[in-house]
Amino acid sequence: AATTGSTAVVTVTGKAMRLGVAPGAVAASTGVGAPAAAPAACGNGPLEGEAGEASVASTQSFDAELSALREEVSGVVLSLVTIDDSAVKRCLLADLTRLAIFMSRQATNDVLLPHLMTVLNNRDASLSIAFFEAIPGVCAFVGRMSFLGFVLPCILYALVDVEETVVAAALQSLCRLADVGLLTKASLTEIANSGRESLTEIAHKIAPLLAHPTSWVHMHMHTL
């Protein structure tokens, strides 16, 4: 059989016969000349845009709620620092590093550290000891500049405290800070160059501790 235009020619036992065939039927049966199907729509443009906007809105909402929560926690911390109860302040200092991480580096520098360092004004030796035990982790989080500006001068001052347990805690804190690379010769030189204390003054505080009669002070001094 052969097809010519709109006429089919059929050969039957050597005889040719012409049959009329509709053009549409030929196209449908052979696939030739059929109009191409419209391509399927790709992607979900409006839906993808809505999903992106929802994700941005969710992130903004989370950030706003986290900021509000940090403000509330900051208020609670400030109220606990100002009350006259050493036991409460020791509990606050017990997990200081995780509190600092939650508050963020900026808030720790601006709010948390300045207020927590006021516990050193209390003559309760247990508070000073708790502070020096907790502060190395916070310093590792906030970095070198905050360590040099806020913490190191307080530790150096504590080396001449009348309480031997406070001196030992300050030395142990220095040892841990040296382990994480914050206490170096360069940091002591920077303190001296800032005019707060000369290297000679720092040496006058530290050197006598080498001959300190108390065993734990002597031990931490040699470790340092």
N, C-alpha and C. Protein backbone atom coordinates (compact mmCIF):
# COMPACT_ATOMS: atom_id res chain seq x y z
N ALA A 1 0.86 -1.19 0.00
CA ALA A 1 0.00 0.00 0.00
C ALA A 1 0.87 1.22 0.00
N ALA A 2 0.45 2.32 -0.65
CA ALA A 2 1.18 3.58 -0.66
C ALA A 2 0.18 4.69 -0.51
N THR A 3 0.67 5.84 0.03
CA THR A 3 -0.23 6.97 0.28
C THR A 3 0.25 8.15 -0.53
N THR A 4 -0.62 8.78 -1.24
CA THR A 4 -0.25 9.94 -2.04
C THR A 4 -1.24 11.05 -1.76
N GLY A 5 -0.78 12.09 -1.03
CA GLY A 5 -1.70 13.19 -0.70
C GLY A 5 -2.84 12.69 0.13
N SER A 6 -4.07 12.82 -0.44
CA SER A 6 -5.26 12.40 0.30
C SER A 6 -5.83 11.11 -0.25
N THR A 7 -5.06 10.39 -1.11
CA THR A 7 -5.57 9.17 -1.74
C THR A 7 -4.66 8.01 -1.42
N ALA A 8 -5.22 6.94 -0.97
CA ALA A 8 -4.46 5.72 -0.68
C ALA A 8 -4.56 4.80 -1.89
N VAL A 9 -3.43 4.28 -2.33
CA VAL A 9 -3.41 3.33 -3.44
C VAL A 9 -3.16 1.96 -2.87
N VAL A 10 -4.05 1.05 -3.04
CA VAL A 10 -3.96 -0.29 -2.49
C VAL A 10 -3.80 -1.27 -3.64
N THR A 11 -2.81 -2.13 -3.57
CA THR A 11 -2.59 -3.13 -4.62
C THR A 11 -3.12 -4.47 -4.14
N VAL A 12 -4.06 -5.00 -4.81
CA VAL A 12 -4.65 -6.28 -4.44
C VAL A 12 -4.47 -7.22 -5.62
N THR A 13 -3.75 -8.27 -5.45
CA THR A 13 -3.50 -9.30 -6.46
C THR A 13 -3.19 -8.67 -7.82
N GLY A 14 -2.25 -7.67 -7.75
CA GLY A 14 -1.76 -7.08 -8.99
C GLY A 14 -2.60 -5.96 -9.52
N LYS A 15 -3.77 -5.65 -8.91
CA LYS A 15 -4.61 -4.58 -9.39
C LYS A 15 -4.56 -3.43 -8.42
N ALA A 16 -4.48 -2.26 -8.98
CA ALA A 16 -4.41 -1.07 -8.14
C ALA A 16 -5.78 -0.49 -7.96
N MET A 17 -6.12 -0.10 -6.76
CA MET A 17 -7.40 0.52 -6.43
C MET A 17 -7.11 1.82 -5.68
N ARG A 18 -7.83 2.88 -5.97
CA ARG A 18 -7.67 4.16 -5.28
C ARG A 18 -8.83 4.35 -4.31
N LEU A 19 -8.50 4.65 -3.06
CA LEU A 19 -9.52 4.87 -2.05
C LEU A 19 -9.34 6.27 -1.49
N GLY A 20 -10.37 6.99 -1.27
CA GLY A 20 -10.27 8.33 -0.66
C GLY A 20 -10.06 8.23 0.83
N VAL A 21 -9.06 8.92 1.33
CA VAL A 21 -8.73 8.89 2.76
C VAL A 21 -8.65 10.34 3.24
N ALA A 22 -9.23 10.62 4.37
CA ALA A 22 -9.18 12.00 4.93
C ALA A 22 -7.77 12.31 5.38
N PRO A 23 -7.28 13.53 5.08
CA PRO A 23 -5.90 13.90 5.48
C PRO A 23 -5.66 13.74 6.97
N GLY A 24 -6.64 14.07 7.80
CA GLY A 24 -6.46 13.96 9.26
C GLY A 24 -6.25 12.54 9.69
N ALA A 25 -6.94 11.62 9.04
CA ALA A 25 -6.80 10.22 9.42
C ALA A 25 -5.42 9.71 9.10
N VAL A 26 -4.86 10.15 7.94
CA VAL A 26 -3.52 9.73 7.59
C VAL A 26 -2.51 10.26 8.61
N ALA A 27 -2.67 11.51 8.92
CA ALA A 27 -1.73 12.11 9.89
C ALA A 27 -1.80 11.42 11.23
N ALA A 28 -3.03 11.08 11.65
CA ALA A 28 -3.18 10.43 12.95
C ALA A 28 -2.60 9.05 12.96
N SER A 29 -2.77 8.32 11.81
CA SER A 29 -2.29 6.95 11.79
C SER A 29 -0.80 6.84 11.58
N THR A 30 -0.23 7.81 10.86
CA THR A 30 1.19 7.70 10.53
C THR A 30 2.07 8.58 11.36
N GLY A 31 1.52 9.59 11.99
CA GLY A 31 2.31 10.53 12.77
C GLY A 31 2.96 11.58 11.94
N VAL A 32 2.75 11.56 10.61
CA VAL A 32 3.38 12.52 9.70
C VAL A 32 2.44 13.69 9.52
N GLY A 33 2.94 14.90 9.65
CA GLY A 33 2.13 16.09 9.44
C GLY A 33 1.27 16.46 10.61
N ALA A 34 1.35 15.69 11.74
CA ALA A 34 0.53 16.01 12.91
C ALA A 34 1.11 17.21 13.63
N PRO A 35 0.29 18.11 14.10
CA PRO A 35 0.81 19.29 14.83
C PRO A 35 1.50 18.87 16.11
N ALA A 36 2.63 19.56 16.45
CA ALA A 36 3.38 19.22 17.67
C ALA A 36 2.58 19.57 18.90
N ALA A 37 2.69 18.70 19.93
CA ALA A 37 1.98 18.95 21.19
C ALA A 37 2.63 20.10 21.92
N ALA A 38 1.85 20.85 22.62
CA ALA A 38 2.39 21.99 23.39
C ALA A 38 3.25 21.45 24.53
N PRO A 39 4.43 22.02 24.76
CA PRO A 39 5.29 21.53 25.84
C PRO A 39 4.65 21.75 27.20
N ALA A 40 4.95 20.80 28.11
CA ALA A 40 4.38 20.90 29.46
C ALA A 40 5.05 22.06 30.19
N ALA A 41 4.31 22.70 31.03
CA ALA A 41 4.86 23.82 31.82
C ALA A 41 5.90 23.30 32.79
N CYS A 42 7.02 24.00 32.87
CA CYS A 42 8.13 23.59 33.75
C CYS A 42 8.20 24.52 34.95
N GLY A 43 8.52 23.94 36.11
CA GLY A 43 8.75 24.75 37.30
C GLY A 43 7.47 25.27 37.90
N ASN A 44 7.57 25.80 39.13
CA ASN A 44 6.44 26.40 39.81
C ASN A 44 6.86 27.79 40.27
N GLY A 45 7.02 28.69 39.30
CA GLY A 45 7.56 30.02 39.60
C GLY A 45 6.92 30.69 40.79
N PRO A 46 5.60 30.89 40.78
CA PRO A 46 4.96 31.57 41.92
C PRO A 46 5.14 30.82 43.23
N LEU A 47 5.06 29.48 43.17
CA LEU A 47 5.19 28.69 44.39
C LEU A 47 6.59 28.79 44.97
N GLU A 48 7.62 28.73 44.07
CA GLU A 48 9.00 28.84 44.55
C GLU A 48 9.25 30.21 45.17
N GLY A 49 8.71 31.26 44.60
CA GLY A 49 8.86 32.59 45.16
C GLY A 49 8.22 32.71 46.53
N GLU A 50 7.04 32.11 46.67
CA GLU A 50 6.35 32.15 47.96
C GLU A 50 7.13 31.38 49.02
N ALA A 51 7.74 30.25 48.61
CA ALA A 51 8.52 29.46 49.56
C ALA A 51 9.74 30.24 50.03
N GLY A 52 10.40 30.95 49.09
CA GLY A 52 11.56 31.76 49.46
C GLY A 52 11.19 32.88 50.42
N GLU A 53 10.08 33.54 50.15
CA GLU A 53 9.63 34.62 51.03
C GLU A 53 9.28 34.08 52.42
N ALA A 54 8.67 32.91 52.46
CA ALA A 54 8.32 32.31 53.75
C ALA A 54 9.57 31.96 54.54
N SER A 55 10.62 31.47 53.84
CA SER A 55 11.88 31.13 54.52
C SER A 55 12.54 32.37 55.10
N VAL A 56 12.56 33.47 54.33
CA VAL A 56 13.15 34.73 54.82
C VAL A 56 12.37 35.24 56.02
N ALA A 57 11.05 35.20 55.93
CA ALA A 57 10.22 35.67 57.04
C ALA A 57 10.44 34.84 58.29
N SER A 58 10.61 33.51 58.11
CA SER A 58 10.85 32.63 59.25
C SER A 58 12.18 32.94 59.92
N THR A 59 13.23 33.20 59.09
CA THR A 59 14.54 33.54 59.64
C THR A 59 14.50 34.86 60.40
N GLN A 60 13.82 35.84 59.84
CA GLN A 60 13.71 37.13 60.51
C GLN A 60 12.95 37.00 61.83
N SER A 61 11.92 36.18 61.83
CA SER A 61 11.15 35.97 63.05
C SER A 61 12.00 35.29 64.12
N PHE A 62 12.82 34.30 63.72
CA PHE A 62 13.70 33.61 64.67
C PHE A 62 14.71 34.58 65.26
N ASP A 63 15.33 35.41 64.41
CA ASP A 63 16.32 36.37 64.89
C ASP A 63 15.71 37.36 65.86
N ALA A 64 14.51 37.82 65.56
CA ALA A 64 13.84 38.77 66.45
C ALA A 64 13.52 38.13 67.79
N GLU A 65 13.04 36.89 67.77
CA GLU A 65 12.71 36.21 69.02
C GLU A 65 13.97 35.91 69.84
N LEU A 66 15.06 35.52 69.16
CA LEU A 66 16.32 35.26 69.86
C LEU A 66 16.86 36.53 70.49
N SER A 67 16.78 37.64 69.78
CA SER A 67 17.24 38.92 70.32
C SER A 67 16.42 39.31 71.55
N ALA A 68 15.12 39.12 71.48
CA ALA A 68 14.26 39.44 72.63
C ALA A 68 14.58 38.55 73.83
N LEU A 69 14.84 37.26 73.55
CA LEU A 69 15.17 36.34 74.63
C LEU A 69 16.50 36.71 75.29
N ARG A 70 17.48 37.11 74.47
CA ARG A 70 18.76 37.54 75.02
C ARG A 70 18.61 38.78 75.90
N GLU A 71 17.72 39.68 75.50
CA GLU A 71 17.46 40.87 76.31
C GLU A 71 16.89 40.49 77.67
N GLU A 72 15.97 39.53 77.67
CA GLU A 72 15.37 39.08 78.93
C GLU A 72 16.41 38.41 79.83
N VAL A 73 17.22 37.53 79.23
CA VAL A 73 18.26 36.84 80.01
C VAL A 73 19.27 37.83 80.55
N SER A 74 19.62 38.83 79.75
CA SER A 74 20.55 39.85 80.19
C SER A 74 20.02 40.59 81.41
N GLY A 75 18.73 40.90 81.40
CA GLY A 75 18.12 41.56 82.56
C GLY A 75 18.16 40.69 83.80
N VAL A 76 17.92 39.39 83.63
CA VAL A 76 17.98 38.46 84.77
C VAL A 76 19.39 38.38 85.34
N VAL A 77 20.38 38.30 84.44
CA VAL A 77 21.78 38.21 84.87
C VAL A 77 22.18 39.45 85.66
N LEU A 78 21.81 40.61 85.17
CA LEU A 78 22.15 41.86 85.86
C LEU A 78 21.51 41.93 87.24
N SER A 79 20.29 41.45 87.35
CA SER A 79 19.63 41.46 88.65
C SER A 79 20.30 40.48 89.62
N LEU A 80 20.78 39.34 89.11
CA LEU A 80 21.45 38.36 89.98
C LEU A 80 22.82 38.85 90.43
N VAL A 81 23.50 39.60 89.56
CA VAL A 81 24.83 40.10 89.90
C VAL A 81 24.76 41.15 91.00
N THR A 82 23.68 41.91 91.02
CA THR A 82 23.58 43.03 91.96
C THR A 82 23.03 42.64 93.33
N ILE A 83 22.47 41.44 93.46
CA ILE A 83 21.93 41.06 94.77
C ILE A 83 23.07 40.65 95.70
N ASP A 84 22.83 40.76 96.97
CA ASP A 84 23.88 40.48 97.96
C ASP A 84 23.75 39.03 98.44
N ASP A 85 24.07 38.12 97.56
CA ASP A 85 23.99 36.70 97.89
C ASP A 85 25.10 35.97 97.13
N SER A 86 26.15 35.59 97.85
CA SER A 86 27.30 34.96 97.21
C SER A 86 26.96 33.61 96.58
N ALA A 87 26.05 32.87 97.21
CA ALA A 87 25.68 31.55 96.69
C ALA A 87 25.04 31.66 95.31
N VAL A 88 24.17 32.65 95.12
CA VAL A 88 23.52 32.85 93.83
C VAL A 88 24.55 33.23 92.77
N LYS A 89 25.48 34.09 93.13
CA LYS A 89 26.50 34.51 92.18
C LYS A 89 27.42 33.36 91.80
N ARG A 90 27.72 32.49 92.73
CA ARG A 90 28.55 31.31 92.41
C ARG A 90 27.82 30.40 91.44
N CYS A 91 26.51 30.25 91.62
CA CYS A 91 25.73 29.44 90.67
C CYS A 91 25.74 30.06 89.28
N LEU A 92 25.70 31.38 89.23
CA LEU A 92 25.73 32.07 87.94
C LEU A 92 27.07 31.86 87.24
N LEU A 93 28.14 31.84 88.01
CA LEU A 93 29.48 31.67 87.45
C LEU A 93 29.78 30.22 87.06
N ALA A 94 28.99 29.28 87.57
CA ALA A 94 29.30 27.86 87.40
C ALA A 94 29.28 27.42 85.94
N ASP A 95 28.43 28.04 85.12
CA ASP A 95 28.33 27.64 83.70
C ASP A 95 28.43 28.88 82.82
N LEU A 96 29.44 29.66 83.09
CA LEU A 96 29.58 30.97 82.47
C LEU A 96 29.86 30.89 80.97
N THR A 97 30.60 29.89 80.54
CA THR A 97 30.96 29.80 79.13
C THR A 97 29.73 29.58 78.25
N ARG A 98 28.86 28.69 78.64
CA ARG A 98 27.66 28.44 77.84
C ARG A 98 26.74 29.66 77.84
N LEU A 99 26.70 30.38 78.97
CA LEU A 99 25.91 31.61 79.01
C LEU A 99 26.47 32.64 78.03
N ALA A 100 27.79 32.75 77.99
CA ALA A 100 28.42 33.70 77.07
C ALA A 100 28.13 33.33 75.61
N ILE A 101 28.19 32.05 75.29
CA ILE A 101 27.92 31.62 73.91
C ILE A 101 26.48 31.94 73.53
N PHE A 102 25.56 31.72 74.45
CA PHE A 102 24.16 32.05 74.18
C PHE A 102 23.97 33.55 73.97
N MET A 103 24.64 34.35 74.77
CA MET A 103 24.46 35.80 74.70
C MET A 103 25.09 36.41 73.46
N SER A 104 26.01 35.71 72.82
CA SER A 104 26.76 36.16 71.63
C SER A 104 28.01 36.91 72.07
N ARG A 105 29.01 36.94 71.18
CA ARG A 105 30.30 37.56 71.51
C ARG A 105 30.14 39.06 71.81
N GLN A 106 29.33 39.75 71.01
CA GLN A 106 29.17 41.19 71.19
C GLN A 106 28.52 41.51 72.53
N ALA A 107 27.44 40.80 72.86
CA ALA A 107 26.74 41.05 74.12
C ALA A 107 27.60 40.66 75.32
N THR A 108 28.42 39.63 75.17
CA THR A 108 29.31 39.24 76.26
C THR A 108 30.33 40.33 76.54
N ASN A 109 30.89 40.91 75.47
CA ASN A 109 31.86 41.99 75.63
C ASN A 109 31.22 43.25 76.22
N ASP A 110 30.03 43.59 75.72
CA ASP A 110 29.42 44.86 76.09
C ASP A 110 28.67 44.82 77.41
N VAL A 111 28.08 43.68 77.74
CA VAL A 111 27.19 43.62 78.91
C VAL A 111 27.67 42.61 79.96
N LEU A 112 27.88 41.38 79.51
CA LEU A 112 28.10 40.30 80.47
C LEU A 112 29.41 40.45 81.25
N LEU A 113 30.53 40.60 80.52
CA LEU A 113 31.83 40.67 81.19
C LEU A 113 31.95 41.85 82.16
N PRO A 114 31.61 43.07 81.75
CA PRO A 114 31.76 44.20 82.68
C PRO A 114 30.99 44.03 83.97
N HIS A 115 29.81 43.43 83.90
CA HIS A 115 29.01 43.27 85.12
C HIS A 115 29.48 42.09 85.97
N LEU A 116 29.89 41.01 85.31
CA LEU A 116 30.33 39.85 86.07
C LEU A 116 31.65 40.12 86.81
N MET A 117 32.46 40.99 86.25
CA MET A 117 33.73 41.29 86.90
C MET A 117 33.55 42.07 88.20
N THR A 118 32.35 42.59 88.43
CA THR A 118 32.10 43.30 89.69
C THR A 118 32.09 42.34 90.89
N VAL A 119 31.98 41.03 90.64
CA VAL A 119 32.01 40.09 91.76
C VAL A 119 33.38 40.10 92.44
N LEU A 120 34.40 40.57 91.72
CA LEU A 120 35.74 40.63 92.31
C LEU A 120 35.85 41.73 93.36
N ASN A 121 34.87 42.64 93.38
CA ASN A 121 34.87 43.68 94.41
C ASN A 121 34.40 43.14 95.75
N ASN A 122 33.75 41.99 95.72
CA ASN A 122 33.30 41.35 96.95
C ASN A 122 34.48 40.68 97.64
N ARG A 123 34.57 40.82 98.94
CA ARG A 123 35.69 40.23 99.68
C ARG A 123 35.49 38.74 99.96
N ASP A 124 34.42 38.17 99.44
CA ASP A 124 34.20 36.73 99.58
C ASP A 124 35.16 36.01 98.64
N ALA A 125 36.13 35.30 99.21
CA ALA A 125 37.15 34.63 98.40
C ALA A 125 36.55 33.58 97.48
N SER A 126 35.45 32.96 97.90
CA SER A 126 34.85 31.91 97.07
C SER A 126 34.33 32.47 95.75
N LEU A 127 33.89 33.72 95.74
CA LEU A 127 33.42 34.34 94.50
C LEU A 127 34.58 34.59 93.53
N SER A 128 35.68 35.08 94.06
CA SER A 128 36.85 35.31 93.21
C SER A 128 37.36 34.00 92.63
N ILE A 129 37.38 32.97 93.46
CA ILE A 129 37.84 31.66 92.98
C ILE A 129 36.93 31.14 91.88
N ALA A 130 35.60 31.26 92.09
CA ALA A 130 34.65 30.80 91.06
C ALA A 130 34.81 31.59 89.77
N PHE A 131 35.09 32.87 89.89
CA PHE A 131 35.28 33.70 88.70
C PHE A 131 36.51 33.25 87.93
N PHE A 132 37.64 33.06 88.62
CA PHE A 132 38.88 32.68 87.93
C PHE A 132 38.80 31.26 87.36
N GLU A 133 37.98 30.42 87.95
CA GLU A 133 37.79 29.07 87.40
C GLU A 133 36.97 29.12 86.11
N ALA A 134 36.04 30.06 86.03
CA ALA A 134 35.12 30.10 84.89
C ALA A 134 35.62 30.95 83.72
N ILE A 135 36.48 31.92 84.02
CA ILE A 135 36.79 32.94 83.01
C ILE A 135 37.63 32.46 81.83
N PRO A 136 38.50 31.43 81.94
CA PRO A 136 39.27 31.02 80.74
C PRO A 136 38.40 30.61 79.56
N GLY A 137 37.33 29.88 79.81
CA GLY A 137 36.45 29.47 78.73
C GLY A 137 35.79 30.66 78.04
N VAL A 138 35.40 31.66 78.83
CA VAL A 138 34.79 32.86 78.26
C VAL A 138 35.81 33.63 77.42
N CYS A 139 37.05 33.72 77.92
CA CYS A 139 38.10 34.42 77.17
C CYS A 139 38.39 33.73 75.85
N ALA A 140 38.37 32.41 75.84
CA ALA A 140 38.59 31.68 74.59
C ALA A 140 37.49 31.98 73.59
N PHE A 141 36.28 32.29 74.08
CA PHE A 141 35.15 32.59 73.20
C PHE A 141 35.20 34.04 72.70
N VAL A 142 35.46 34.99 73.59
CA VAL A 142 35.41 36.41 73.18
C VAL A 142 36.67 36.87 72.48
N GLY A 143 37.81 36.20 72.74
CA GLY A 143 39.02 36.53 72.00
C GLY A 143 40.05 37.34 72.78
N ARG A 144 41.15 37.59 72.10
CA ARG A 144 42.34 38.16 72.71
C ARG A 144 42.14 39.60 73.21
N MET A 145 41.46 40.43 72.43
CA MET A 145 41.32 41.83 72.79
C MET A 145 40.55 42.01 74.09
N SER A 146 39.49 41.26 74.27
CA SER A 146 38.72 41.34 75.51
C SER A 146 39.51 40.78 76.68
N PHE A 147 40.27 39.73 76.41
CA PHE A 147 41.12 39.16 77.46
C PHE A 147 42.13 40.19 77.95
N LEU A 148 42.79 40.86 77.02
CA LEU A 148 43.80 41.85 77.40
C LEU A 148 43.16 43.08 78.06
N GLY A 149 42.01 43.49 77.54
CA GLY A 149 41.41 44.72 78.03
C GLY A 149 40.69 44.58 79.35
N PHE A 150 40.03 43.43 79.58
CA PHE A 150 39.20 43.27 80.76
C PHE A 150 39.80 42.32 81.80
N VAL A 151 40.20 41.16 81.34
CA VAL A 151 40.44 40.05 82.27
C VAL A 151 41.86 40.00 82.82
N LEU A 152 42.85 40.10 81.95
CA LEU A 152 44.24 39.95 82.40
C LEU A 152 44.61 40.93 83.51
N PRO A 153 44.26 42.21 83.43
CA PRO A 153 44.59 43.11 84.54
C PRO A 153 43.99 42.66 85.88
N CYS A 154 42.79 42.09 85.84
CA CYS A 154 42.16 41.61 87.08
C CYS A 154 42.90 40.40 87.64
N ILE A 155 43.35 39.52 86.76
CA ILE A 155 44.09 38.35 87.23
C ILE A 155 45.43 38.77 87.83
N LEU A 156 46.12 39.68 87.16
CA LEU A 156 47.40 40.15 87.69
C LEU A 156 47.23 40.83 89.04
N TYR A 157 46.14 41.56 89.19
CA TYR A 157 45.87 42.21 90.49
C TYR A 157 45.62 41.17 91.58
N ALA A 158 44.97 40.06 91.20
CA ALA A 158 44.66 39.03 92.19
C ALA A 158 45.89 38.27 92.67
N LEU A 159 47.00 38.40 91.95
CA LEU A 159 48.21 37.68 92.35
C LEU A 159 48.79 38.20 93.66
N VAL A 160 48.36 39.37 94.09
CA VAL A 160 48.83 39.92 95.37
C VAL A 160 47.69 39.96 96.40
N ASP A 161 46.66 39.17 96.16
CA ASP A 161 45.54 39.10 97.11
C ASP A 161 46.02 38.52 98.43
N VAL A 162 45.34 38.91 99.51
CA VAL A 162 45.73 38.42 100.84
C VAL A 162 45.32 36.97 101.04
N GLU A 163 44.35 36.51 100.25
CA GLU A 163 43.88 35.13 100.35
C GLU A 163 44.73 34.24 99.44
N GLU A 164 45.38 33.26 100.01
CA GLU A 164 46.23 32.38 99.22
C GLU A 164 45.42 31.55 98.24
N THR A 165 44.19 31.21 98.61
CA THR A 165 43.36 30.43 97.69
C THR A 165 43.00 31.25 96.44
N VAL A 166 42.83 32.55 96.61
CA VAL A 166 42.54 33.42 95.46
C VAL A 166 43.78 33.51 94.56
N VAL A 167 44.95 33.64 95.16
CA VAL A 167 46.20 33.69 94.40
C VAL A 167 46.37 32.40 93.59
N ALA A 168 46.11 31.27 94.23
CA ALA A 168 46.24 29.98 93.55
C ALA A 168 45.25 29.87 92.38
N ALA A 169 44.01 30.35 92.59
CA ALA A 169 43.00 30.30 91.53
C ALA A 169 43.39 31.20 90.36
N ALA A 170 43.96 32.37 90.67
CA ALA A 170 44.40 33.28 89.61
C ALA A 170 45.54 32.66 88.81
N LEU A 171 46.47 32.00 89.48
CA LEU A 171 47.57 31.33 88.79
C LEU A 171 47.07 30.19 87.91
N GLN A 172 46.14 29.42 88.44
CA GLN A 172 45.58 28.32 87.66
C GLN A 172 44.85 28.85 86.42
N SER A 173 44.18 29.99 86.58
CA SER A 173 43.50 30.61 85.44
C SER A 173 44.52 31.04 84.38
N LEU A 174 45.65 31.59 84.82
CA LEU A 174 46.71 31.98 83.88
C LEU A 174 47.26 30.76 83.14
N CYS A 175 47.39 29.66 83.85
CA CYS A 175 47.88 28.42 83.22
C CYS A 175 46.94 27.96 82.12
N ARG A 176 45.66 27.99 82.39
CA ARG A 176 44.67 27.56 81.40
C ARG A 176 44.61 28.52 80.21
N LEU A 177 44.78 29.81 80.48
CA LEU A 177 44.80 30.79 79.40
C LEU A 177 46.04 30.62 78.52
N ALA A 178 47.15 30.24 79.16
CA ALA A 178 48.36 29.97 78.38
C ALA A 178 48.17 28.74 77.51
N ASP A 179 47.43 27.75 78.02
CA ASP A 179 47.18 26.52 77.26
C ASP A 179 46.40 26.80 75.97
N VAL A 180 45.49 27.78 76.00
CA VAL A 180 44.69 28.07 74.81
C VAL A 180 45.32 29.17 73.95
N GLY A 181 46.53 29.58 74.32
CA GLY A 181 47.28 30.53 73.49
C GLY A 181 46.96 31.99 73.69
N LEU A 182 46.22 32.34 74.76
CA LEU A 182 45.89 33.74 74.99
C LEU A 182 46.95 34.46 75.83
N LEU A 183 47.58 33.74 76.73
CA LEU A 183 48.62 34.34 77.56
C LEU A 183 49.98 34.04 76.94
N THR A 184 50.59 35.06 76.39
CA THR A 184 51.89 34.92 75.74
C THR A 184 52.78 36.09 76.16
N LYS A 185 54.04 36.00 75.78
CA LYS A 185 54.95 37.11 76.05
C LYS A 185 54.46 38.38 75.34
N ALA A 186 53.91 38.20 74.15
CA ALA A 186 53.40 39.35 73.40
C ALA A 186 52.24 40.03 74.12
N SER A 187 51.37 39.24 74.76
CA SER A 187 50.23 39.84 75.47
C SER A 187 50.70 40.63 76.69
N LEU A 188 51.71 40.11 77.40
CA LEU A 188 52.25 40.86 78.53
C LEU A 188 52.93 42.14 78.06
N THR A 189 53.62 42.06 76.93
CA THR A 189 54.26 43.26 76.37
C THR A 189 53.21 44.29 75.97
N GLU A 190 52.10 43.82 75.43
CA GLU A 190 51.03 44.74 75.02
C GLU A 190 50.43 45.43 76.23
N ILE A 191 50.28 44.70 77.34
CA ILE A 191 49.79 45.31 78.58
C ILE A 191 50.75 46.40 79.02
N ALA A 192 52.05 46.10 78.95
CA ALA A 192 53.06 47.08 79.36
C ALA A 192 53.05 48.30 78.45
N ASN A 193 52.92 48.08 77.16
CA ASN A 193 52.93 49.20 76.21
C ASN A 193 51.70 50.09 76.34
N SER A 194 50.62 49.52 76.85
CA SER A 194 49.40 50.32 77.01
C SER A 194 49.50 51.31 78.17
N GLY A 195 50.54 51.13 79.01
CA GLY A 195 50.74 52.04 80.12
C GLY A 195 50.06 51.63 81.40
N ARG A 196 49.32 50.50 81.35
CA ARG A 196 48.63 50.06 82.57
C ARG A 196 49.62 49.51 83.60
N GLU A 197 50.54 48.69 83.15
CA GLU A 197 51.58 48.14 84.03
C GLU A 197 52.82 47.88 83.18
N SER A 198 53.98 48.13 83.75
CA SER A 198 55.21 47.83 83.03
C SER A 198 55.55 46.36 83.24
N LEU A 199 56.44 45.85 82.39
CA LEU A 199 56.88 44.46 82.55
C LEU A 199 57.58 44.27 83.90
N THR A 200 58.25 45.29 84.36
CA THR A 200 58.92 45.20 85.66
C THR A 200 57.90 45.04 86.78
N GLU A 201 56.81 45.81 86.70
CA GLU A 201 55.75 45.70 87.72
C GLU A 201 55.09 44.32 87.68
N ILE A 202 54.88 43.82 86.48
CA ILE A 202 54.29 42.47 86.36
C ILE A 202 55.24 41.43 86.94
N ALA A 203 56.53 41.57 86.64
CA ALA A 203 57.53 40.63 87.17
C ALA A 203 57.60 40.69 88.69
N HIS A 204 57.46 41.89 89.26
CA HIS A 204 57.49 42.04 90.72
C HIS A 204 56.31 41.33 91.39
N LYS A 205 55.19 41.21 90.65
CA LYS A 205 54.04 40.49 91.19
C LYS A 205 54.22 38.98 91.10
N ILE A 206 54.80 38.54 89.99
CA ILE A 206 54.86 37.10 89.72
C ILE A 206 56.06 36.43 90.36
N ALA A 207 57.23 37.07 90.30
CA ALA A 207 58.47 36.42 90.75
C ALA A 207 58.43 35.94 92.20
N PRO A 208 57.92 36.72 93.16
CA PRO A 208 57.93 36.24 94.55
C PRO A 208 57.12 34.96 94.76
N LEU A 209 56.18 34.69 93.86
CA LEU A 209 55.35 33.50 94.01
C LEU A 209 56.14 32.21 93.78
N LEU A 210 57.31 32.33 93.15
CA LEU A 210 58.15 31.15 92.95
C LEU A 210 58.64 30.59 94.28
N ALA A 211 58.72 31.46 95.27
CA ALA A 211 59.19 31.02 96.59
C ALA A 211 58.05 31.03 97.62
N HIS A 212 56.83 31.00 97.13
CA HIS A 212 55.68 31.05 98.05
C HIS A 212 55.62 29.78 98.90
N PRO A 213 55.38 29.93 100.20
CA PRO A 213 55.40 28.74 101.08
C PRO A 213 54.21 27.80 100.89
N THR A 214 53.12 28.30 100.34
CA THR A 214 51.93 27.46 100.17
C THR A 214 52.11 26.53 98.97
N SER A 215 51.87 25.26 99.19
CA SER A 215 52.20 24.25 98.19
C SER A 215 51.42 24.43 96.90
N TRP A 216 50.09 24.75 96.98
CA TRP A 216 49.33 24.83 95.74
C TRP A 216 49.67 26.09 94.94
N VAL A 217 50.05 27.18 95.62
CA VAL A 217 50.52 28.36 94.91
C VAL A 217 51.84 28.04 94.21
N HIS A 218 52.73 27.36 94.93
CA HIS A 218 54.03 26.99 94.38
C HIS A 218 53.86 26.06 93.18
N MET A 219 52.92 25.14 93.28
CA MET A 219 52.68 24.18 92.20
C MET A 219 52.19 24.87 90.94
N HIS A 220 51.19 25.75 91.07
CA HIS A 220 50.64 26.45 89.90
C HIS A 220 51.68 27.40 89.31
N MET A 221 52.50 27.97 90.15
CA MET A 221 53.52 28.89 89.65
C MET A 221 54.53 28.16 88.78
N HIS A 222 54.93 27.00 89.20
CA HIS A 222 55.88 26.22 88.39
C HIS A 222 55.23 25.68 87.13
N THR A 223 53.94 25.39 87.18
CA THR A 223 53.22 24.95 85.98
C THR A 223 53.18 26.08 84.96
N LEU A 224 52.96 27.30 85.45
CA LEU A 224 52.94 28.45 84.57
C LEU A 224 54.29 28.71 83.93
